[in-house]
Protein backbone atom coordinates (compact mmCIF):
# COMPACT_ATOMS: atom_id res chain seq x y z
CA MET A 1 -0.25 -0.82 -0.07
CA GLU A 2 0.90 3.49 -1.12
CA ILE A 3 2.06 5.95 1.84
CA ILE A 4 -1.00 7.72 3.42
CA GLU A 5 -1.79 11.32 3.98
CA VAL A 6 -4.54 12.73 5.32
CA TYR A 7 -5.67 16.41 5.82
CA ASP A 8 -9.61 16.88 4.96
CA ASN A 9 -9.92 14.34 3.05
CA TYR A 10 -11.09 11.62 5.95
CA THR A 11 -13.87 14.75 7.39
CA PHE A 12 -16.42 11.97 7.44
CA LEU A 13 -14.78 9.20 9.11
CA GLY A 14 -15.19 12.45 11.99
CA ILE A 15 -11.12 13.30 11.48
CA ASN A 16 -10.84 16.65 11.04
CA SER A 17 -7.96 19.07 10.27
CA ARG A 18 -7.98 22.84 10.03
CA PRO A 19 -7.06 25.12 6.56
CA ILE A 20 -3.51 25.16 5.90
CA THR A 21 -2.12 28.64 6.49
CA GLU A 22 0.55 28.98 3.68
CA GLY A 23 3.98 30.12 3.33
CA GLN A 24 7.77 29.84 4.35
CA GLU A 25 6.27 27.10 7.36
CA PHE A 26 4.39 25.24 5.47
CA GLU A 27 6.44 25.07 2.69
CA MET A 28 9.45 23.66 4.95
CA VAL A 29 6.89 21.36 6.26
CA SER A 30 5.62 19.98 2.78
CA GLU A 31 9.40 19.58 2.19
CA PHE A 32 10.10 17.44 5.29
CA ILE A 33 7.13 15.46 4.22
CA ASN A 34 8.68 15.18 0.92
CA PHE A 35 12.35 14.16 2.65
CA ARG A 36 10.63 11.82 5.24
CA LYS A 37 7.49 9.44 2.25
CA ASP A 38 11.71 9.55 0.44
CA SER A 39 13.24 8.08 3.22
CA PHE A 40 10.49 5.21 4.97
CA LYS A 41 10.89 1.77 3.69
CA ALA A 42 8.05 0.21 3.78
CA THR A 43 7.49 -3.09 4.57
CA SER A 44 4.32 -5.91 4.80
CA GLN A 45 4.51 -5.69 8.76
CA LYS A 46 5.85 -1.95 8.11
CA GLN A 47 3.89 0.82 6.68
CA LEU A 48 2.45 4.50 7.14
CA ILE A 49 0.55 7.00 7.96
CA ILE A 50 0.62 11.03 7.73
CA PHE A 51 -1.39 13.67 9.81
CA ILE A 52 -1.20 17.22 8.22
CA GLU A 53 -3.31 19.52 10.91
CA THR A 54 -5.48 16.54 12.01
CA LYS A 55 -7.25 17.44 15.32
CA ILE A 56 -5.98 16.39 18.59
CA ASN A 57 -7.96 16.41 21.42
CA ASP A 58 -8.33 20.39 21.42
CA ALA A 59 -4.59 21.02 19.31
CA TYR A 60 -3.55 20.69 15.84
CA PRO A 61 0.20 19.10 15.41
CA ASP A 62 1.92 20.62 11.96
CA VAL A 63 2.48 17.08 11.47
CA VAL A 64 2.53 13.51 12.92
CA PHE A 65 4.31 10.16 11.27
CA ALA A 66 2.27 6.47 12.75
CA GLU A 67 3.97 3.63 12.17
CA TYR A 68 1.78 0.80 11.84
CA ASN A 69 1.66 -2.62 10.76
CA PRO A 70 -1.46 -3.54 8.71
CA GLN A 71 -1.96 -6.75 9.75
CA PHE A 72 -3.40 -5.69 12.79
CA TYR A 73 -6.41 -4.14 10.86
CA GLU A 74 -7.12 -7.37 8.85
CA ASN A 75 -10.22 -8.24 11.03
CA TRP A 76 -11.20 -4.29 12.28
CA ASN A 77 -14.75 -4.88 13.75
CA ASP A 78 -16.96 -2.22 12.71
CA ASN A 79 -18.55 -1.00 16.19
CA ARG A 80 -14.74 0.91 16.64
CA ASN A 81 -16.03 3.49 14.26
CA LYS A 82 -18.42 4.31 16.96
CA LEU A 83 -15.59 4.61 20.22
CA SER A 84 -16.42 7.80 21.18
CA THR A 85 -12.80 9.96 22.77
CA ASN A 86 -15.01 9.33 26.65
CA ASP A 87 -14.58 5.33 25.11
CA LEU A 88 -10.98 5.46 23.94
CA LYS A 89 -10.12 7.54 27.32
CA ILE A 90 -11.66 3.61 29.66
CA LEU A 91 -9.22 2.19 27.22
CA HIS A 92 -6.48 3.39 27.99
CA PHE A 93 -7.31 3.47 31.72
CA ILE A 94 -8.25 -0.15 32.07
CA PHE A 95 -5.27 -1.25 29.49
CA SER A 96 -2.84 0.66 31.74
CA LYS A 97 -4.13 0.02 34.59
CA ARG A 98 -4.50 -3.62 36.35
CA ASN A 99 -8.01 -3.85 38.37
CA VAL A 100 -10.10 -2.29 37.15
CA THR A 101 -13.58 -2.28 38.94
CA SER A 102 -16.21 0.50 37.96
CA GLN A 103 -16.15 1.85 40.57
CA ARG A 104 -12.41 3.31 40.57
CA VAL A 105 -12.74 3.86 36.86
CA VAL A 106 -15.82 5.83 38.43
CA ARG A 107 -13.54 7.67 41.13
CA GLU A 108 -10.41 8.38 38.84
CA LEU A 109 -11.40 9.32 36.26
CA SER A 110 -14.07 11.67 37.60
CA ILE A 111 -16.79 10.23 36.05
CA GLN A 112 -20.66 9.18 36.27
CA TYR A 113 -22.02 5.65 36.32
CA ARG A 114 -23.89 5.90 33.84
CA THR A 115 -21.45 7.44 31.04
CA LEU A 116 -19.33 4.70 32.45
CA LEU A 117 -21.81 2.02 31.18
CA GLN A 118 -22.35 3.62 28.59
CA SER A 119 -18.71 2.98 26.98
CA LEU A 120 -18.00 -0.34 28.44
CA GLU A 121 -21.04 -1.28 26.68
CA ALA A 122 -19.57 0.22 23.44
CA LEU A 123 -16.24 -1.17 24.56
CA MET A 124 -17.45 -4.45 24.66
CA ASP A 125 -19.63 -4.46 20.84
CA ALA A 126 -16.19 -3.52 19.32
CA GLN A 127 -14.97 -6.56 21.37
CA LEU A 128 -11.75 -4.76 23.20
CA VAL A 129 -13.07 -5.18 27.01
CA ASP A 130 -14.08 -8.17 28.74
CA ARG A 131 -15.30 -8.26 32.08
CA LYS A 132 -13.47 -11.72 34.65
CA ASP A 133 -13.80 -11.74 38.78
CA GLY A 134 -15.42 -8.61 38.80
CA CYS A 135 -12.48 -6.29 36.70
CA TRP A 136 -12.42 -5.56 33.25
CA ILE A 137 -9.67 -5.94 31.24
CA VAL A 138 -8.45 -5.39 27.30
CA ARG A 139 -8.93 -8.14 25.10
CA ASN A 140 -6.16 -9.49 22.66
CA ARG A 141 -3.61 -7.29 24.19
CA SER A 142 -1.15 -7.81 22.03
CA ASN A 143 -2.97 -7.59 18.79
CA ILE A 144 -4.81 -4.53 20.00
CA PHE A 145 -3.12 -1.42 18.33
CA GLY A 146 -1.29 -1.79 15.29
CA VAL A 147 0.60 1.39 15.80
CA LYS A 148 4.15 0.70 15.73
CA ARG A 149 5.50 4.03 16.48
CA ILE A 150 4.67 7.68 16.77
CA GLU A 151 6.15 11.19 16.06
CA ALA A 152 4.91 14.50 15.94
CA VAL A 153 6.44 17.42 14.50
CA GLU A 154 5.99 20.83 15.26
CA ALA A 155 7.64 23.52 13.08
CA LYS A 156 8.50 27.71 13.26
CA ILE A 157 10.68 28.80 11.62
CA SER A 158 11.99 31.16 14.39
CA LYS A 159 10.16 31.96 17.80
CA TRP A 160 11.58 28.69 20.35
CA ASP A 161 9.67 29.03 22.87
CA LYS A 162 6.18 28.38 21.15
CA VAL A 163 6.84 25.80 18.89
CA MET A 164 8.55 24.12 21.88
CA GLN A 165 5.08 24.69 23.61
CA GLN A 166 2.98 22.85 21.03
CA ALA A 167 5.89 19.86 20.89
CA ILE A 168 5.04 19.52 24.69
CA LEU A 169 1.72 18.44 25.25
CA ASN A 170 2.04 16.92 21.68
CA LYS A 171 4.35 13.99 24.02
CA THR A 172 0.59 13.23 25.59
CA PHE A 173 0.38 11.13 22.31
CA ALA A 174 3.66 10.55 20.92
CA SER A 175 6.02 8.06 21.00
CA GLU A 176 9.09 10.90 20.01
CA SER A 177 7.99 15.09 19.93
CA PHE A 178 10.10 17.07 17.92
CA VAL A 179 10.23 20.87 16.53
CA LEU A 180 11.40 21.42 13.34
CA SER A 181 12.76 24.87 12.93
CA LYS A 182 15.56 26.10 9.93
CA ARG A 183 18.98 26.28 10.30
CA LYS A 184 19.96 30.22 10.00
CA ARG A 185 22.92 29.64 12.31
CA GLU A 186 23.86 27.06 15.39
CA PRO A 187 21.12 26.84 17.64
CA ASP A 188 22.10 28.67 20.86
CA SER A 189 22.83 25.85 23.44
CA ASN A 190 20.52 27.18 25.97
CA VAL A 191 17.16 26.98 23.47
CA VAL A 192 18.90 23.30 23.27
CA GLU A 193 19.42 22.44 26.39
CA ARG A 194 15.73 23.44 27.29
CA ILE A 195 14.28 21.33 24.71
CA SER A 196 16.53 18.26 25.59
CA SER A 197 15.15 18.61 29.03
CA PHE A 198 11.73 17.72 27.87
CA GLY A 199 13.04 15.62 25.93
CA ILE A 200 12.28 17.07 22.64
CA GLY A 201 13.58 16.46 19.55
CA ILE A 202 15.42 19.14 17.37
CA TYR A 203 14.97 19.25 12.99
CA LEU A 204 17.06 21.67 11.15
CA TYR A 205 16.37 23.31 7.99
CA ASP A 206 19.41 24.35 5.56
CA ASP A 207 17.15 24.99 2.23
CA LYS A 208 19.08 21.93 0.89
CA GLN A 209 18.22 19.28 3.27
CA PHE A 210 16.65 17.78 7.09
CA SER A 211 19.23 16.92 9.97
CA CYS A 212 18.58 15.94 12.91
CA TYR A 213 19.57 18.08 15.12
CA SER A 214 19.76 16.59 18.44
CA PRO A 215 16.89 13.56 19.34
CA ALA A 216 14.02 12.89 21.51
CA SER A 217 12.84 11.09 23.78
CA HIS A 218 10.81 7.68 23.30
CA ASN A 219 7.51 7.37 25.66
CA ARG A 220 5.98 3.70 24.95
CA PHE A 221 2.14 3.13 23.25
CA PRO A 222 -0.04 4.43 24.04
CA SER A 223 0.74 7.20 25.99
CA ASN A 224 -2.71 8.74 26.74
CA TYR A 225 -5.68 8.17 24.97
CA ASN A 226 -5.43 10.76 22.16
CA SER A 227 -2.64 7.48 20.65
CA ILE A 228 -5.56 5.07 20.39
CA TYR A 229 -7.34 7.47 19.17
CA LEU A 230 -5.08 7.82 16.58
CA ASN A 231 -4.28 4.22 16.26
CA GLU A 232 -8.30 3.71 15.97
CA CYS A 233 -8.24 7.16 13.00
CA ILE A 234 -5.77 4.50 11.52
CA GLY A 235 -8.06 1.63 11.64
CA ARG A 236 -11.09 3.47 10.01
CA ILE A 237 -9.16 4.48 7.27
CA LEU A 238 -7.96 0.70 5.80
CA ASN A 239 -11.72 -0.36 6.10
CA ASN A 240 -12.99 2.65 4.72
């Protein structure tokens, strides 16, 4: 399968994007996307999907690269297409905790029993959760998610503080979070140290080529429910 680009072409699946602001920054992002596409080596177990200005929670990361195993989406349950944000929050809670009772979900997520019951019904219809010994567990835990890596990239020609703030937010769902900027000169060491202290990596562009100036720390998938949201988006797109 070819690399999939997502921008305003899957709104019918509930995947929304914001209008692109044309200019120097988006030109750099477009060049970076082409660079990543050219360097990506697909296999039968590793494909790439690119989310451009896609709404994730209440933010719009410039670009998100998600590597996934298409085999995990071959037996897709259509009820997963109906899962809401609340459903995914509860799914992530059950996935990331042990001994999850209904009382614990209500207490720790501060939701009402009625909301919980609706979400649990939706998750059971999607064949994602079961109940065992009074606790909720994820079914087929090792096969539930096809995403293997999520890399979020936030671009700015300058204004390191502003781009860093969004990159920090991107860390909540991404395996790796980067900032991308043009290289006019060597970045200030204090700026690099501050960005790196948050585990954020840096890509630089000199109008000819891109380079990874410093790596990002790696977060395990899923780092929060928005990680799962991207996984579900991929499943909906592939099975549309």
